Amino acid sequence: MKIAVIGGGPGGYVAAIKASMMGADVTLIEKKRVGGTCLNVGCIPTKALLACSEMLMNVRESESYGINIDGDIDADFESMMDRKDKIVDQLVKGIEFLFDKKGVKLVNGFGKLISKNEIAVSKEDGSKEVIKADKIILATGSVPIVPPMFPYDGEKVITSDEALNLKELPESMLIVGGGVIGCEFGQFFRTLGTKVSIVEMADQVLPFEDKDVAKQLQRSFKKDKIKLLTGKKIQICNIKDDEVVANLDNGKSVEADIMLVSVGRKPYLENLGIEELGIKTERGKIVVDEKMQTNVDGIYAIGDIVDSPFLAHVASKEGMIAVENALGKDKNINYTAIPRCVYTEPEVAGVGLTEKQLEEKGIQYKIGKFEFRGLGKAQAIGKFQGFIKVLADNEDKIVGASVVGPHATDLLTELTLAVNLGLTVEQVGDVIHPHPTLSEGLMEALHDVHGECVHSVTKAKADA
C-alpha cells in the first residue's frame, strides 16, 4: 500500500511515520521544513523563548530565595534567538533522522492534487515530479490571519512568524488579540523590557476560558505593567513617522514601534487542487467524517484544514486515526477531552467543558476549587498564584477542568484522562496523591466538589 502525505507538520509527519511502521510505502511532501508551524514558527520556538524569559524572572527574584547576584542582569536578545534556532534545527534534524530510520521518503516541494491517486510536486529548482499513491492524506496546516485593515508589511506590522525572527528587541509593541499567541508573546517581550499593549475586542484575555481563569492571568499582566485594553476594537491603523498608530473605538489611540497581529489562523488550502477533485469544504475547511476521510474515497484530511481545534496534539492524533483507517482499521476520533495550554506565567490549562459552555448547554454542574497557595510545595517553590477547578455533572462525572498556576500544563494530564474515560469525582478523588507535590491540589479540588476538602477555609457543605 502506497501512502502519500502532503504537509510535514505534527499531523503530517506523525501520520507518515505511523503509516511506515504499519508496513506502508510512504512519501511525505513538504514545501519548507518538516515540523510545520508548530516546530518552526509556533509551539517549540515560542516555548524556547518563554524558557529564556522565565529564567530571567527567576534570576531577578533570586534574592528572595537567599541567593544574591551582584551587578546588572542583562538580557541578550540575540543569544535568546540563537538558542531558539538551535533547538528548532535540532528537532527538525531529529524528525528527518526518524524518516530515514523508519523508511519515510521525504520530497521537498509544493504538492498539488491532480487526481485521487496522483500528486504533482513542484520543486525549487523548477523541476516537477508526480507522486502516485493508493491513499493520500492532506495536512497542509494554517497561516496567520491578517485583516485587510492592518497595513501588514512584515516589518512594522507583523505576525507571529516575523516576531520569532526579530533581530532587535523593540522598545514598544502593540499586540492585536489577547488569545494564546498574543498573551505568550506579550509576556515574553515585556519581561525583556519592551513596553507592551494588548488590544482585545472581548471583555477578557483568553476569551474561550472562564472569567475566573482569565482574571488570574490579567492580574499577572497588571503586575508586569502590560497595558490591557479589553472590550476595545481598532477602527483605523496607519504607519506614521516610523510608528504604528492604532485608533480605537473609544476615541483613543495607541502608538508602538511594532504591531503584532495575533487574531487567529486560517486553513492553508491555496492551490491544493481540492476544487478540481470536488473535495467538499464548509466555511473554508475540508469536510471529513469520523474516520478523517473526505467525500473523495481514499483522500483524508487532518489538522488545521479540518473543523477541529488548531492544536498540534489534535493534528497528531488525527494523523494516526487517518492512517489506521487508510490501512484497513476501523478507528474513530474522540474530541471530548482536548487539552488547552497557555505557557504564560502563570500557566493556564483546561480540558473538556467550561462553566460558560455548561450553562449554554443547560447542564447542571458542581464546582470543586483549590488555590495553589494552600499547598506546601507551592509555597516552597515560591509559585502559588492560581487555582485548580474541577467541574462535574449531576452523575458525579468529571466533564471539565481548569488549572491556572505553576506547571498547569503538566498537571492537566490527570484530569484529561479523567474526562476522556468518563471517570467520576469520587473515583479520581480516592486516589492517593504524593506529598508534597503540586498534584495534591488536584485531589483537594476533587474533594471540594462534595465539600470534603480538609484544607479548604470554607465550611463543608452537604451534597444536594
Protein backbone atom coordinates (compact mmCIF):
# COMPACT_ATOMS: atom_id res chain seq x y z
CA MET A 1 0.00 0.00 0.00
CA LYS A 2 1.38 3.39 -1.03
CA ILE A 3 0.57 6.36 1.19
CA ALA A 4 1.37 9.98 0.32
CA VAL A 5 1.15 12.83 2.81
CA ILE A 6 1.09 16.49 1.80
CA GLY A 7 2.44 18.58 4.67
CA GLY A 8 5.11 17.78 7.24
CA GLY A 9 3.65 19.40 10.36
CA PRO A 10 2.80 17.50 13.58
CA GLY A 11 -0.13 15.73 11.94
CA GLY A 12 1.63 15.01 8.67
CA TYR A 13 4.94 13.68 9.92
CA VAL A 14 3.30 11.58 12.65
CA ALA A 15 0.94 10.13 10.04
CA ALA A 16 3.86 9.34 7.75
CA ILE A 17 5.88 7.58 10.44
CA LYS A 18 2.83 5.67 11.70
CA ALA A 19 1.99 4.51 8.16
CA SER A 20 5.53 3.30 7.60
CA MET A 21 5.50 1.44 10.93
CA MET A 22 2.32 -0.30 9.76
CA GLY A 23 4.06 -1.52 6.62
CA ALA A 24 3.08 1.08 4.03
CA ASP A 25 5.34 2.59 1.37
CA VAL A 26 5.26 6.25 2.45
CA THR A 27 6.17 9.54 0.79
CA LEU A 28 5.83 12.88 2.56
CA ILE A 29 5.78 16.11 0.56
CA GLU A 30 6.80 19.34 2.31
CA LYS A 31 7.49 22.70 0.66
CA LYS A 32 9.62 24.06 3.54
CA ARG A 33 11.00 22.20 6.55
CA VAL A 34 9.42 19.27 8.34
CA GLY A 35 7.79 20.11 11.65
CA GLY A 36 5.33 22.61 10.19
CA THR A 37 4.14 25.70 12.03
CA CYS A 38 4.42 24.03 15.45
CA LEU A 39 8.10 23.25 15.25
CA ASN A 40 9.37 26.06 13.02
CA VAL A 41 7.25 29.13 13.83
CA GLY A 42 4.90 28.11 16.61
CA CYS A 43 4.83 25.87 19.69
CA ILE A 44 8.50 24.99 20.03
CA PRO A 45 10.25 28.31 19.25
CA THR A 46 7.83 30.27 21.44
CA LYS A 47 8.40 27.87 24.34
CA ALA A 48 12.15 28.17 23.85
CA LEU A 49 11.86 31.95 24.15
CA LEU A 50 9.50 31.73 27.11
CA ALA A 51 12.03 29.49 28.86
CA CYS A 52 14.54 32.34 28.47
CA SER A 53 12.19 34.94 29.94
CA GLU A 54 11.28 32.56 32.78
CA MET A 55 14.96 32.13 33.59
CA LEU A 56 15.35 35.90 33.59
CA MET A 57 12.44 36.26 36.02
CA ASN A 58 13.94 33.60 38.29
CA VAL A 59 17.30 35.37 38.36
CA ARG A 60 15.63 38.67 39.19
CA GLU A 61 13.78 37.03 42.07
CA SER A 62 16.80 35.07 43.35
CA GLU A 63 17.29 37.32 46.39
CA SER A 64 14.01 36.11 47.86
CA TYR A 65 15.48 32.60 47.78
CA GLY A 66 18.62 33.69 49.63
CA ILE A 67 20.75 33.97 46.51
CA ASN A 68 22.47 37.32 45.97
CA ILE A 69 23.67 38.21 42.49
CA ASP A 70 25.88 41.27 42.26
CA GLY A 71 25.87 43.56 39.26
CA ASP A 72 23.40 44.24 36.49
CA ILE A 73 21.33 41.48 34.97
CA ASP A 74 21.29 41.81 31.20
CA ALA A 75 19.07 40.03 28.70
CA ASP A 76 20.86 39.15 25.46
CA PHE A 77 18.04 39.12 22.92
CA GLU A 78 20.26 37.95 20.07
CA SER A 79 21.55 35.00 22.11
CA MET A 80 17.99 34.03 23.03
CA MET A 81 17.02 33.97 19.38
CA ASP A 82 20.12 31.92 18.54
CA ARG A 83 19.26 29.42 21.27
CA LYS A 84 15.72 29.16 19.90
CA ASP A 85 17.04 28.50 16.38
CA LYS A 86 19.43 25.80 17.59
CA ILE A 87 16.63 23.98 19.40
CA VAL A 88 14.38 24.12 16.33
CA ASP A 89 17.19 22.96 14.00
CA GLN A 90 17.99 20.05 16.28
CA LEU A 91 14.37 18.90 16.40
CA VAL A 92 13.94 19.24 12.62
CA LYS A 93 17.01 17.06 12.14
CA GLY A 94 15.50 14.63 14.63
CA ILE A 95 12.38 14.21 12.50
CA GLU A 96 14.47 13.78 9.36
CA PHE A 97 16.52 11.14 11.20
CA LEU A 98 13.30 9.31 12.13
CA PHE A 99 12.19 9.43 8.49
CA ASP A 100 15.45 7.83 7.46
CA LYS A 101 15.24 5.10 10.11
CA LYS A 102 11.52 4.42 9.59
CA GLY A 103 11.73 4.38 5.80
CA VAL A 104 9.72 7.53 5.02
CA LYS A 105 10.69 9.19 1.73
CA LEU A 106 10.84 13.00 2.04
CA VAL A 107 10.22 15.06 -1.10
CA ASN A 108 10.78 18.80 -0.83
CA GLY A 109 8.38 20.81 -2.96
CA PHE A 110 4.84 22.09 -3.32
CA GLY A 111 2.29 19.32 -3.72
CA LYS A 112 -0.96 19.65 -5.65
CA LEU A 113 -3.62 17.00 -6.21
CA ILE A 114 -4.12 16.14 -9.88
CA SER A 115 -6.24 13.03 -9.28
CA LYS A 116 -7.38 10.95 -6.34
CA ASN A 117 -4.18 8.93 -6.67
CA GLU A 118 -1.67 11.45 -8.00
CA ILE A 119 0.17 14.49 -6.66
CA ALA A 120 2.19 16.89 -8.81
CA VAL A 121 5.20 18.22 -6.88
CA SER A 122 6.83 21.49 -7.98
CA LYS A 123 10.38 21.77 -6.68
CA GLU A 124 12.54 24.81 -6.01
CA ASP A 125 14.85 24.06 -8.93
CA GLY A 126 11.88 24.24 -11.30
CA SER A 127 11.60 20.50 -11.84
CA LYS A 128 8.39 18.54 -11.32
CA GLU A 129 7.62 15.07 -10.08
CA VAL A 130 4.38 13.10 -9.96
CA ILE A 131 3.85 11.01 -6.84
CA LYS A 132 1.39 8.12 -7.15
CA ALA A 133 -0.36 6.69 -4.11
CA ASP A 134 -3.22 4.39 -3.15
CA LYS A 135 -4.24 6.74 -0.31
CA ILE A 136 -3.49 10.43 0.25
CA ILE A 137 -3.50 12.41 3.50
CA LEU A 138 -3.79 16.20 3.33
CA ALA A 139 -2.07 18.02 6.20
CA THR A 140 -1.19 21.47 4.87
CA GLY A 141 -1.78 23.37 8.12
CA SER A 142 -2.64 27.03 8.57
CA VAL A 143 -1.30 30.56 8.21
CA PRO A 144 -1.84 33.69 10.35
CA ILE A 145 -4.92 35.80 9.66
CA VAL A 146 -4.19 39.44 8.83
CA PRO A 147 -7.35 41.53 8.33
CA PRO A 148 -7.09 43.94 5.35
CA MET A 149 -7.44 46.96 7.66
CA PHE A 150 -3.92 46.37 9.02
CA PRO A 151 -1.04 47.62 6.81
CA TYR A 152 0.90 44.37 7.04
CA ASP A 153 4.46 44.73 5.74
CA GLY A 154 6.35 42.13 7.75
CA GLU A 155 8.44 44.84 9.42
CA LYS A 156 6.30 47.34 11.32
CA VAL A 157 3.10 45.32 11.21
CA ILE A 158 3.97 41.67 11.72
CA THR A 159 2.55 38.25 12.53
CA SER A 160 3.95 35.60 14.88
CA ASP A 161 6.12 34.34 12.00
CA GLU A 162 8.11 37.59 11.90
CA ALA A 163 8.03 38.04 15.68
CA LEU A 164 10.07 34.86 16.04
CA ASN A 165 12.77 36.24 13.77
CA LEU A 166 13.21 39.81 15.01
CA LYS A 167 16.83 40.96 15.00
CA GLU A 168 16.41 43.61 17.67
CA LEU A 169 14.26 43.96 20.76
CA PRO A 170 11.57 46.60 20.07
CA GLU A 171 11.10 49.39 22.58
CA SER A 172 7.33 49.13 22.30
CA MET A 173 4.85 46.65 20.84
CA LEU A 174 1.11 46.74 20.23
CA ILE A 175 -0.44 43.28 20.17
CA VAL A 176 -3.81 42.86 18.49
CA GLY A 177 -5.57 39.89 20.06
CA GLY A 178 -5.45 38.59 23.61
CA GLY A 179 -5.60 34.90 22.76
CA VAL A 180 -2.89 32.31 23.38
CA ILE A 181 -0.38 33.77 20.91
CA GLY A 182 -0.87 37.37 21.99
CA CYS A 183 -0.58 36.55 25.70
CA GLU A 184 2.55 34.44 25.33
CA PHE A 185 4.37 36.94 23.13
CA GLY A 186 3.21 39.85 25.25
CA GLN A 187 4.65 38.44 28.44
CA PHE A 188 7.91 37.40 26.77
CA PHE A 189 8.63 40.81 25.30
CA ARG A 190 7.51 42.64 28.43
CA THR A 191 9.88 40.57 30.60
CA LEU A 192 12.74 41.66 28.37
CA GLY A 193 11.79 45.31 28.76
CA THR A 194 9.53 46.07 25.80
CA LYS A 195 6.57 48.33 26.54
CA VAL A 196 3.59 46.12 25.66
CA SER A 197 -0.05 46.97 24.98
CA ILE A 198 -2.65 44.30 24.18
CA VAL A 199 -5.94 45.17 22.49
CA GLU A 200 -8.66 42.51 22.75
CA MET A 201 -12.21 43.05 21.48
CA ALA A 202 -13.66 40.59 24.02
CA ASP A 203 -14.07 41.65 27.64
CA GLN A 204 -11.18 39.43 28.76
CA VAL A 205 -7.99 37.81 27.52
CA LEU A 206 -8.32 34.14 26.56
CA PRO A 207 -11.96 34.71 25.54
CA PHE A 208 -12.78 30.98 25.40
CA GLU A 209 -11.81 30.33 29.02
CA ASP A 210 -13.90 31.11 32.10
CA LYS A 211 -13.74 34.58 33.64
CA ASP A 212 -12.04 33.44 36.85
CA VAL A 213 -9.29 31.83 34.75
CA ALA A 214 -8.70 34.95 32.66
CA LYS A 215 -8.78 37.13 35.78
CA GLN A 216 -5.75 35.33 37.21
CA LEU A 217 -3.70 35.96 34.07
CA GLN A 218 -4.87 39.57 33.83
CA ARG A 219 -3.74 40.10 37.41
CA SER A 220 -0.29 38.89 36.44
CA PHE A 221 -0.26 41.17 33.38
CA LYS A 222 -1.13 44.14 35.58
CA LYS A 223 1.79 43.30 37.87
CA ASP A 224 4.05 43.09 34.82
CA LYS A 225 2.77 46.51 33.67
CA ILE A 226 1.33 45.17 30.43
CA LYS A 227 -1.32 47.61 29.25
CA LEU A 228 -4.53 45.67 28.70
CA LEU A 229 -7.29 47.18 26.58
CA THR A 230 -10.15 44.66 26.67
CA GLY A 231 -13.55 45.27 25.11
CA LYS A 232 -11.91 47.57 22.55
CA LYS A 233 -11.71 47.48 18.76
CA ILE A 234 -9.22 49.05 16.38
CA GLN A 235 -11.00 51.19 13.82
CA ILE A 236 -8.09 52.59 11.82
CA CYS A 237 -4.41 51.66 11.72
CA ASN A 238 -1.59 53.53 9.98
CA ILE A 239 2.19 53.75 9.95
CA LYS A 240 3.31 57.31 10.68
CA ASP A 241 6.84 58.58 11.29
CA ASP A 242 8.20 55.05 11.75
CA GLU A 243 5.50 54.25 14.31
CA VAL A 244 2.32 52.22 14.13
CA VAL A 245 -0.70 54.23 15.24
CA ALA A 246 -3.97 52.46 16.02
CA ASN A 247 -7.16 54.42 16.64
CA LEU A 248 -9.60 52.65 18.96
CA ASP A 249 -13.38 52.74 19.02
CA ASN A 250 -13.30 54.69 22.30
CA GLY A 251 -11.66 57.67 20.61
CA LYS A 252 -8.20 56.97 21.99
CA SER A 253 -5.10 55.82 20.14
CA VAL A 254 -2.13 53.54 20.82
CA GLU A 255 1.33 54.05 19.33
CA ALA A 256 4.12 51.47 19.14
CA ASP A 257 7.29 50.64 17.25
CA ILE A 258 5.80 47.35 16.10
CA MET A 259 2.30 45.91 15.83
CA LEU A 260 1.90 42.15 16.25
CA VAL A 261 -1.34 40.89 14.70
CA SER A 262 -2.45 37.72 16.50
CA VAL A 263 -6.16 37.40 15.79
CA GLY A 264 -6.08 33.76 14.74
CA ARG A 265 -5.10 31.44 11.91
CA LYS A 266 -6.82 30.09 8.80
CA PRO A 267 -6.50 26.80 6.88
CA TYR A 268 -3.96 26.77 4.08
CA LEU A 269 -5.72 25.28 1.07
CA GLU A 270 -4.39 27.54 -1.67
CA ASN A 271 -3.68 25.78 -4.98
CA LEU A 272 -4.07 22.35 -3.37
CA GLY A 273 -6.35 21.07 -6.13
CA ILE A 274 -9.29 20.26 -3.90
CA GLU A 275 -11.82 22.16 -6.00
CA GLU A 276 -10.83 20.30 -9.16
CA LEU A 277 -11.32 16.95 -7.41
CA GLY A 278 -14.64 18.00 -5.88
CA ILE A 279 -13.46 17.69 -2.29
CA LYS A 280 -16.17 19.21 -0.11
CA THR A 281 -15.47 22.25 2.07
CA GLU A 282 -17.51 24.32 4.51
CA ARG A 283 -16.51 27.75 5.82
CA GLY A 284 -13.02 27.38 4.37
CA LYS A 285 -12.34 23.95 5.90
CA ILE A 286 -12.31 20.48 4.41
CA VAL A 287 -15.23 18.30 5.49
CA VAL A 288 -14.28 14.88 6.86
CA ASP A 289 -16.13 12.04 8.57
CA GLU A 290 -15.24 10.45 11.91
CA LYS A 291 -12.58 8.41 10.07
CA MET A 292 -10.91 11.65 8.83
CA GLN A 293 -11.86 10.74 5.23
CA THR A 294 -13.14 13.34 2.78
CA ASN A 295 -16.05 12.77 0.40
CA VAL A 296 -13.50 11.54 -2.14
CA ASP A 297 -12.70 7.90 -1.40
CA GLY A 298 -9.08 7.37 -0.36
CA ILE A 299 -8.31 11.02 0.41
CA TYR A 300 -8.07 12.03 4.08
CA ALA A 301 -7.57 15.42 5.72
CA ILE A 302 -6.24 16.29 9.17
CA GLY A 303 -5.10 19.18 11.35
CA ASP A 304 -5.82 22.86 10.85
CA ILE A 305 -7.55 22.33 7.49
CA VAL A 306 -10.49 20.46 9.06
CA ASP A 307 -13.11 21.59 11.57
CA SER A 308 -11.26 20.80 14.79
CA PRO A 309 -9.15 22.87 17.22
CA PHE A 310 -5.96 24.37 15.78
CA LEU A 311 -3.67 22.38 18.08
CA ALA A 312 -0.60 20.29 17.29
CA HIS A 313 -1.64 17.42 19.53
CA VAL A 314 -5.05 17.27 17.86
CA ALA A 315 -3.43 17.13 14.42
CA SER A 316 -1.10 14.33 15.54
CA LYS A 317 -3.99 12.24 16.82
CA GLU A 318 -5.99 12.87 13.66
CA GLY A 319 -2.97 11.78 11.64
CA MET A 320 -2.83 8.46 13.45
CA ILE A 321 -6.58 7.92 13.05
CA ALA A 322 -6.43 8.72 9.33
CA VAL A 323 -3.55 6.31 8.72
CA GLU A 324 -5.12 3.45 10.64
CA ASN A 325 -8.35 3.81 8.68
CA ALA A 326 -6.48 4.18 5.38
CA LEU A 327 -4.73 0.89 6.12
CA GLY A 328 -7.88 -1.06 6.89
CA LYS A 329 -8.58 -0.49 10.56
CA ASP A 330 -11.80 0.94 11.97
CA LYS A 331 -10.92 3.88 14.20
CA ASN A 332 -12.92 6.93 15.30
CA ILE A 333 -11.60 10.09 16.89
CA ASN A 334 -12.91 11.38 20.21
CA TYR A 335 -12.75 15.15 20.75
CA THR A 336 -14.26 15.05 24.26
CA ALA A 337 -11.01 15.62 26.14
CA ILE A 338 -8.77 18.01 24.23
CA PRO A 339 -6.16 19.72 26.44
CA ARG A 340 -5.82 23.52 26.08
CA CYS A 341 -2.48 25.01 27.13
CA VAL A 342 -1.13 28.54 27.52
CA TYR A 343 2.51 28.90 28.57
CA THR A 344 2.34 32.22 30.33
CA GLU A 345 3.24 33.00 33.94
CA PRO A 346 1.10 31.65 35.49
CA GLU A 347 0.44 28.84 33.06
CA VAL A 348 -3.16 28.25 32.01
CA ALA A 349 -4.59 24.87 31.06
CA GLY A 350 -8.04 23.44 30.54
CA VAL A 351 -9.88 20.39 29.28
CA GLY A 352 -13.46 19.48 28.50
CA LEU A 353 -16.31 21.93 29.05
CA THR A 354 -16.06 25.34 30.70
CA GLU A 355 -18.66 26.79 33.06
CA LYS A 356 -19.87 29.02 30.25
CA GLN A 357 -20.38 26.05 27.93
CA LEU A 358 -22.18 24.05 30.60
CA GLU A 359 -24.56 26.95 31.22
CA GLU A 360 -25.18 27.40 27.48
CA LYS A 361 -25.99 23.68 27.18
CA GLY A 362 -28.28 23.82 30.22
CA ILE A 363 -26.26 21.19 32.07
CA GLN A 364 -26.36 21.36 35.86
CA TYR A 365 -22.94 21.07 37.43
CA LYS A 366 -20.92 21.25 40.63
CA ILE A 367 -17.59 23.00 41.19
CA GLY A 368 -14.58 21.97 43.20
CA LYS A 369 -11.81 24.51 43.61
CA PHE A 370 -8.50 24.74 45.42
CA GLU A 371 -5.88 27.51 45.42
CA PHE A 372 -2.20 26.73 44.98
CA ARG A 373 -1.31 28.92 47.98
CA GLY A 374 -2.76 26.16 50.17
CA LEU A 375 -0.08 23.70 49.06
CA GLY A 376 3.22 23.29 50.90
CA LYS A 377 5.07 22.54 47.63
CA ALA A 378 3.75 25.72 46.01
CA GLN A 379 4.89 27.80 48.98
CA ALA A 380 8.27 26.07 48.99
CA ILE A 381 8.99 26.89 45.35
CA GLY A 382 7.51 30.38 45.63
CA LYS A 383 4.91 29.76 42.92
CA PHE A 384 1.47 29.93 44.47
CA GLN A 385 -0.69 32.17 42.29
CA GLY A 386 -3.72 30.45 40.78
CA PHE A 387 -6.05 27.55 41.38
CA ILE A 388 -7.37 24.20 40.21
CA LYS A 389 -11.05 23.94 39.27
CA VAL A 390 -12.99 20.74 38.60
CA LEU A 391 -16.47 20.65 37.01
CA ALA A 392 -18.75 17.64 37.50
CA ASP A 393 -22.25 16.85 36.28
CA ASN A 394 -25.12 15.55 38.39
CA GLU A 395 -23.89 11.99 37.96
CA ASP A 396 -20.55 13.00 39.51
CA LYS A 397 -18.75 12.56 36.18
CA ILE A 398 -15.85 14.96 35.58
CA VAL A 399 -16.80 16.97 32.49
CA GLY A 400 -14.28 19.79 32.60
CA ALA A 401 -11.35 21.29 34.46
CA SER A 402 -9.13 24.35 34.55
CA VAL A 403 -5.70 24.82 36.07
CA VAL A 404 -4.04 28.22 36.48
CA GLY A 405 -0.67 28.19 38.17
CA PRO A 406 2.75 26.52 38.27
CA HIS A 407 3.16 23.60 35.86
CA ALA A 408 -0.54 23.79 34.98
CA THR A 409 0.04 22.31 31.52
CA ASP A 410 1.70 19.24 33.04
CA LEU A 411 -0.81 18.82 35.86
CA LEU A 412 -3.72 18.80 33.42
CA THR A 413 -2.93 15.30 32.15
CA GLU A 414 -4.59 13.51 35.06
CA LEU A 415 -7.81 15.47 34.57
CA THR A 416 -7.66 14.98 30.80
CA LEU A 417 -7.55 11.23 31.35
CA ALA A 418 -10.50 11.50 33.74
CA VAL A 419 -12.62 13.43 31.25
CA ASN A 420 -11.68 11.10 28.41
CA LEU A 421 -12.58 7.95 30.36
CA GLY A 422 -15.70 9.44 31.95
CA LEU A 423 -14.39 8.95 35.48
CA THR A 424 -16.22 10.33 38.48
CA VAL A 425 -15.06 12.79 41.11
CA GLU A 426 -15.18 10.06 43.72
CA GLN A 427 -13.09 7.65 41.64
CA VAL A 428 -10.25 10.09 40.97
CA GLY A 429 -10.52 11.80 44.35
CA ASP A 430 -9.99 8.47 46.13
CA VAL A 431 -6.55 8.09 44.52
CA ILE A 432 -3.66 8.76 46.93
CA HIS A 433 -1.62 11.70 45.65
CA PRO A 434 2.03 12.13 46.70
CA HIS A 435 3.08 14.75 49.26
CA PRO A 436 4.46 17.34 48.97
CA THR A 437 3.54 17.94 45.33
CA LEU A 438 1.53 20.35 43.23
CA SER A 439 -0.65 17.41 42.16
CA GLU A 440 -2.15 17.34 45.65
CA GLY A 441 -4.14 20.37 44.53
CA LEU A 442 -6.00 18.13 42.06
CA MET A 443 -7.07 15.86 44.91
CA GLU A 444 -8.10 18.83 47.06
CA ALA A 445 -10.20 20.32 44.25
CA LEU A 446 -11.89 16.97 43.66
CA HIS A 447 -12.71 16.66 47.36
CA ASP A 448 -14.08 20.19 47.31
CA VAL A 449 -16.76 19.20 44.79
CA HIS A 450 -18.55 17.44 47.67
CA GLY A 451 -17.46 19.88 50.36
CA GLU A 452 -14.96 17.38 51.74
CA CYS A 453 -11.71 19.30 51.23
CA VAL A 454 -9.93 19.21 54.60
CA HIS A 455 -7.58 22.08 53.70
CA SER A 456 -10.34 24.40 52.47
CA VAL A 457 -11.13 27.50 54.56
CA THR A 458 -14.81 27.24 53.65
CA LYS A 459 -17.23 25.19 55.69
CA ALA A 460 -18.18 21.74 54.48
CA LYS A 461 -21.42 21.59 52.56
CA ALA A 462 -23.75 18.66 52.18
CA ASP A 463 -24.41 17.31 48.68
CA ALA A 464 -27.80 18.22 47.26
